[in-house]
Amino acid sequence: MHPCPLVWIVIGVAGSGKTVVGRLLSQQLECDFLEGDRRHPLPNIVKMTSHIPLEDSDRRSWLLEIENDTQRAIALKRETVLTCSALKLSYRKQLTAQERVQLVWLNVPEAELERRLSQRANHYMQLEMLRSQIATFEPIQPDENAIIVNGLLSPVEVINELLSIATQLFPNLKKSWWQRCYG
């Protein structure tokens, strides 16, 4: 039996629902939640606000921050849900290099992503930036440690589908947070 993940990283392009699903998952699991966008340094936010796509060099420090959050959570045995676009396979490998990290990919068709972003207000990631993220995204590989969930479902249905799959993979998820993390 595999031990339960200590870190869940909800991944996907802008508009896929990472934050909403991540918060709901953390509530369901009774654990910490960290919004990956808050780890971006100010120059990255300025670029994205100006509709300038990020490059690998821009993402380097951001990914290191998220990787540090992951390592800290594992070292402290603090179950945590994080959000991160994790567009490239190399990013996902970096973030899952440690044991007990589980990726959750929210699979949402491009037309729905466009619809969601066109309705979004007060966020630096607007519709114009979606094309760059889609172009950068490298498909999830069969050997990656990722649970793929239908992102067209309502957030509650996404969580139900995710936990149904995850409980089959990790039966200890049925236990209380302190039993699955420390037991």
Protein backbone atom coordinates (compact mmCIF):
# COMPACT_ATOMS: atom_id res chain seq x y z
CA MET A 1 0.00 0.00 0.00
CA HIS A 2 1.43 3.38 -1.00
CA PRO A 3 1.59 6.05 1.71
CA CYS A 4 -0.74 8.98 1.16
CA PRO A 5 0.73 11.99 -0.58
CA LEU A 6 1.79 14.77 1.73
CA VAL A 7 1.79 17.33 -1.07
CA TRP A 8 -0.88 17.62 -3.73
CA ILE A 9 -0.02 19.93 -6.63
CA VAL A 10 -3.03 21.00 -8.69
CA ILE A 11 -1.77 21.82 -12.17
CA GLY A 12 -3.14 23.24 -15.42
CA VAL A 13 -3.13 26.32 -17.60
CA ALA A 14 -4.77 29.63 -16.66
CA GLY A 15 -8.51 29.27 -16.17
CA SER A 16 -8.47 25.55 -15.44
CA GLY A 17 -9.70 26.05 -11.88
CA LYS A 18 -6.52 25.33 -9.92
CA THR A 19 -7.23 27.77 -7.10
CA VAL A 20 -10.89 26.88 -6.60
CA VAL A 21 -10.21 23.14 -6.74
CA GLY A 22 -7.06 23.45 -4.64
CA ARG A 23 -8.88 25.29 -1.86
CA LEU A 24 -11.74 22.80 -1.89
CA LEU A 25 -9.31 19.88 -1.83
CA SER A 26 -7.42 21.37 1.11
CA GLN A 27 -10.72 21.83 2.98
CA GLN A 28 -11.76 18.25 2.23
CA LEU A 29 -8.37 16.92 3.35
CA GLU A 30 -8.21 19.35 6.31
CA CYS A 31 -4.76 20.55 5.30
CA ASP A 32 -2.77 23.63 4.31
CA PHE A 33 -3.26 25.44 1.01
CA LEU A 34 -0.65 27.49 -0.87
CA GLU A 35 -1.47 29.51 -3.99
CA GLY A 36 1.48 29.08 -6.36
CA ASP A 37 0.85 32.40 -8.12
CA ARG A 38 1.80 34.16 -4.88
CA ARG A 39 5.31 32.75 -5.26
CA HIS A 40 5.93 34.72 -8.47
CA PRO A 41 8.45 37.54 -8.01
CA LEU A 42 7.21 41.03 -8.86
CA PRO A 43 9.02 41.17 -12.26
CA ASN A 44 7.04 38.08 -13.37
CA ILE A 45 3.75 39.66 -12.35
CA VAL A 46 4.67 42.89 -14.15
CA LYS A 47 5.46 40.88 -17.29
CA MET A 48 2.22 38.93 -17.17
CA THR A 49 0.19 42.07 -16.43
CA SER A 50 1.78 43.59 -19.53
CA HIS A 51 0.75 40.48 -21.54
CA ILE A 52 4.37 39.37 -21.97
CA PRO A 53 4.71 35.58 -21.72
CA LEU A 54 7.14 34.19 -19.17
CA GLU A 55 10.26 32.34 -20.30
CA ASP A 56 12.00 29.45 -18.57
CA SER A 57 14.44 31.91 -16.99
CA ASP A 58 11.50 33.84 -15.48
CA ARG A 59 9.97 30.69 -14.06
CA ARG A 60 13.19 29.36 -12.49
CA SER A 61 12.99 31.21 -9.14
CA TRP A 62 9.21 30.70 -8.98
CA LEU A 63 9.57 26.94 -9.39
CA LEU A 64 12.33 26.88 -6.77
CA GLU A 65 9.99 28.63 -4.32
CA ILE A 66 7.29 26.03 -4.95
CA GLU A 67 9.84 23.22 -4.72
CA ASN A 68 10.99 24.66 -1.37
CA ASP A 69 7.37 24.76 -0.15
CA THR A 70 7.03 21.11 -1.17
CA GLN A 71 10.24 20.07 0.59
CA ARG A 72 9.28 21.98 3.73
CA ALA A 73 5.81 20.37 3.85
CA ILE A 74 7.31 16.89 3.46
CA ALA A 75 10.02 17.50 6.07
CA LEU A 76 7.40 18.74 8.55
CA LYS A 77 4.85 16.07 7.53
CA ARG A 78 2.33 18.84 6.84
CA GLU A 79 -0.16 17.71 4.26
CA THR A 80 -0.44 20.60 1.78
CA VAL A 81 -2.24 21.43 -1.43
CA LEU A 82 -0.34 23.71 -3.82
CA THR A 83 -1.30 25.21 -7.16
CA CYS A 84 1.14 25.55 -10.04
CA SER A 85 0.66 25.65 -13.79
CA ALA A 86 3.58 23.19 -14.22
CA LEU A 87 3.37 23.57 -17.98
CA LYS A 88 6.45 21.55 -18.90
CA LEU A 89 7.44 17.99 -18.15
CA SER A 90 10.76 19.22 -16.72
CA TYR A 91 8.88 21.46 -14.24
CA ARG A 92 6.67 18.59 -13.17
CA LYS A 93 9.68 16.30 -12.71
CA GLN A 94 11.36 18.97 -10.58
CA LEU A 95 8.27 19.32 -8.39
CA THR A 96 7.72 15.57 -7.99
CA ALA A 97 11.34 14.59 -7.39
CA GLN A 98 10.54 13.90 -3.75
CA GLU A 99 8.33 11.04 -2.63
CA ARG A 100 4.79 11.67 -1.46
CA VAL A 101 3.98 14.33 -4.07
CA GLN A 102 0.88 13.83 -6.20
CA LEU A 103 0.01 15.88 -9.28
CA VAL A 104 -3.61 16.58 -10.14
CA TRP A 105 -4.19 17.84 -13.68
CA LEU A 106 -7.41 19.67 -14.44
CA ASN A 107 -8.14 18.85 -18.07
CA VAL A 108 -10.21 21.66 -19.60
CA PRO A 109 -10.81 22.25 -23.34
CA GLU A 110 -9.41 25.45 -24.83
CA ALA A 111 -12.85 26.92 -25.64
CA GLU A 112 -13.90 26.62 -21.99
CA LEU A 113 -10.61 28.13 -20.81
CA GLU A 114 -11.23 31.10 -23.11
CA ARG A 115 -14.76 31.49 -21.78
CA ARG A 116 -13.58 31.43 -18.17
CA LEU A 117 -10.74 33.88 -18.69
CA SER A 118 -12.95 36.32 -20.62
CA GLN A 119 -15.15 36.51 -17.50
CA ARG A 120 -12.26 36.89 -15.06
CA ALA A 121 -11.68 40.25 -13.44
CA ASN A 122 -8.93 41.50 -11.12
CA HIS A 123 -6.33 38.91 -12.13
CA TYR A 124 -3.14 39.51 -14.08
CA MET A 125 -3.54 36.34 -16.16
CA GLN A 126 -6.00 37.42 -18.82
CA LEU A 127 -7.21 35.81 -22.03
CA GLU A 128 -4.28 37.19 -24.06
CA MET A 129 -1.82 35.08 -22.06
CA LEU A 130 -3.73 31.80 -22.48
CA ARG A 131 -2.34 31.15 -25.97
CA SER A 132 1.22 31.33 -24.67
CA GLN A 133 0.44 28.87 -21.85
CA ILE A 134 -1.27 26.44 -24.21
CA ALA A 135 1.68 26.65 -26.61
CA THR A 136 4.10 25.98 -23.72
CA PHE A 137 2.09 23.15 -22.17
CA GLU A 138 3.61 19.70 -22.66
CA PRO A 139 1.00 16.92 -22.45
CA ILE A 140 0.92 14.72 -19.38
CA GLN A 141 2.89 11.54 -20.06
CA PRO A 142 1.54 8.09 -19.09
CA ASP A 143 4.47 7.52 -16.71
CA GLU A 144 3.94 10.79 -14.85
CA ASN A 145 2.58 10.73 -11.35
CA ALA A 146 -0.63 12.56 -12.25
CA ILE A 147 -4.30 12.03 -11.59
CA ILE A 148 -6.23 13.49 -14.51
CA VAL A 149 -9.62 14.98 -13.70
CA ASN A 150 -12.31 16.36 -15.99
CA GLY A 151 -12.09 20.11 -15.37
CA LEU A 152 -15.49 20.70 -17.01
CA LEU A 153 -17.20 19.29 -13.95
CA SER A 154 -18.32 21.62 -11.18
CA PRO A 155 -15.64 22.15 -8.52
CA VAL A 156 -17.46 19.86 -6.08
CA GLU A 157 -17.76 17.16 -8.76
CA VAL A 158 -14.05 17.56 -9.56
CA ILE A 159 -13.21 16.96 -5.90
CA ASN A 160 -15.54 13.94 -5.76
CA GLU A 161 -13.97 12.43 -8.89
CA LEU A 162 -10.46 13.18 -7.67
CA LEU A 163 -11.01 11.70 -4.23
CA SER A 164 -12.68 8.62 -5.73
CA ILE A 165 -9.59 7.97 -7.86
CA ALA A 166 -7.15 8.95 -5.10
CA THR A 167 -8.82 6.72 -2.49
CA GLN A 168 -8.38 3.74 -4.81
CA LEU A 169 -4.68 4.59 -5.15
CA PHE A 170 -4.20 5.54 -1.50
CA PRO A 171 -6.69 3.69 0.76
CA ASN A 172 -5.29 5.55 3.80
CA LEU A 173 -7.03 8.68 2.53
CA LYS A 174 -10.13 7.35 4.27
CA LYS A 175 -8.39 7.96 7.60
CA SER A 176 -8.32 11.24 9.53
CA TRP A 177 -5.59 13.72 8.53
CA TRP A 178 -3.44 12.96 11.56
CA GLN A 179 -3.62 9.20 10.97
CA ARG A 180 -2.65 9.38 7.29
CA CYS A 181 0.12 11.94 7.79
CA TYR A 182 1.71 10.65 10.95
CA GLY A 183 0.54 7.06 11.10
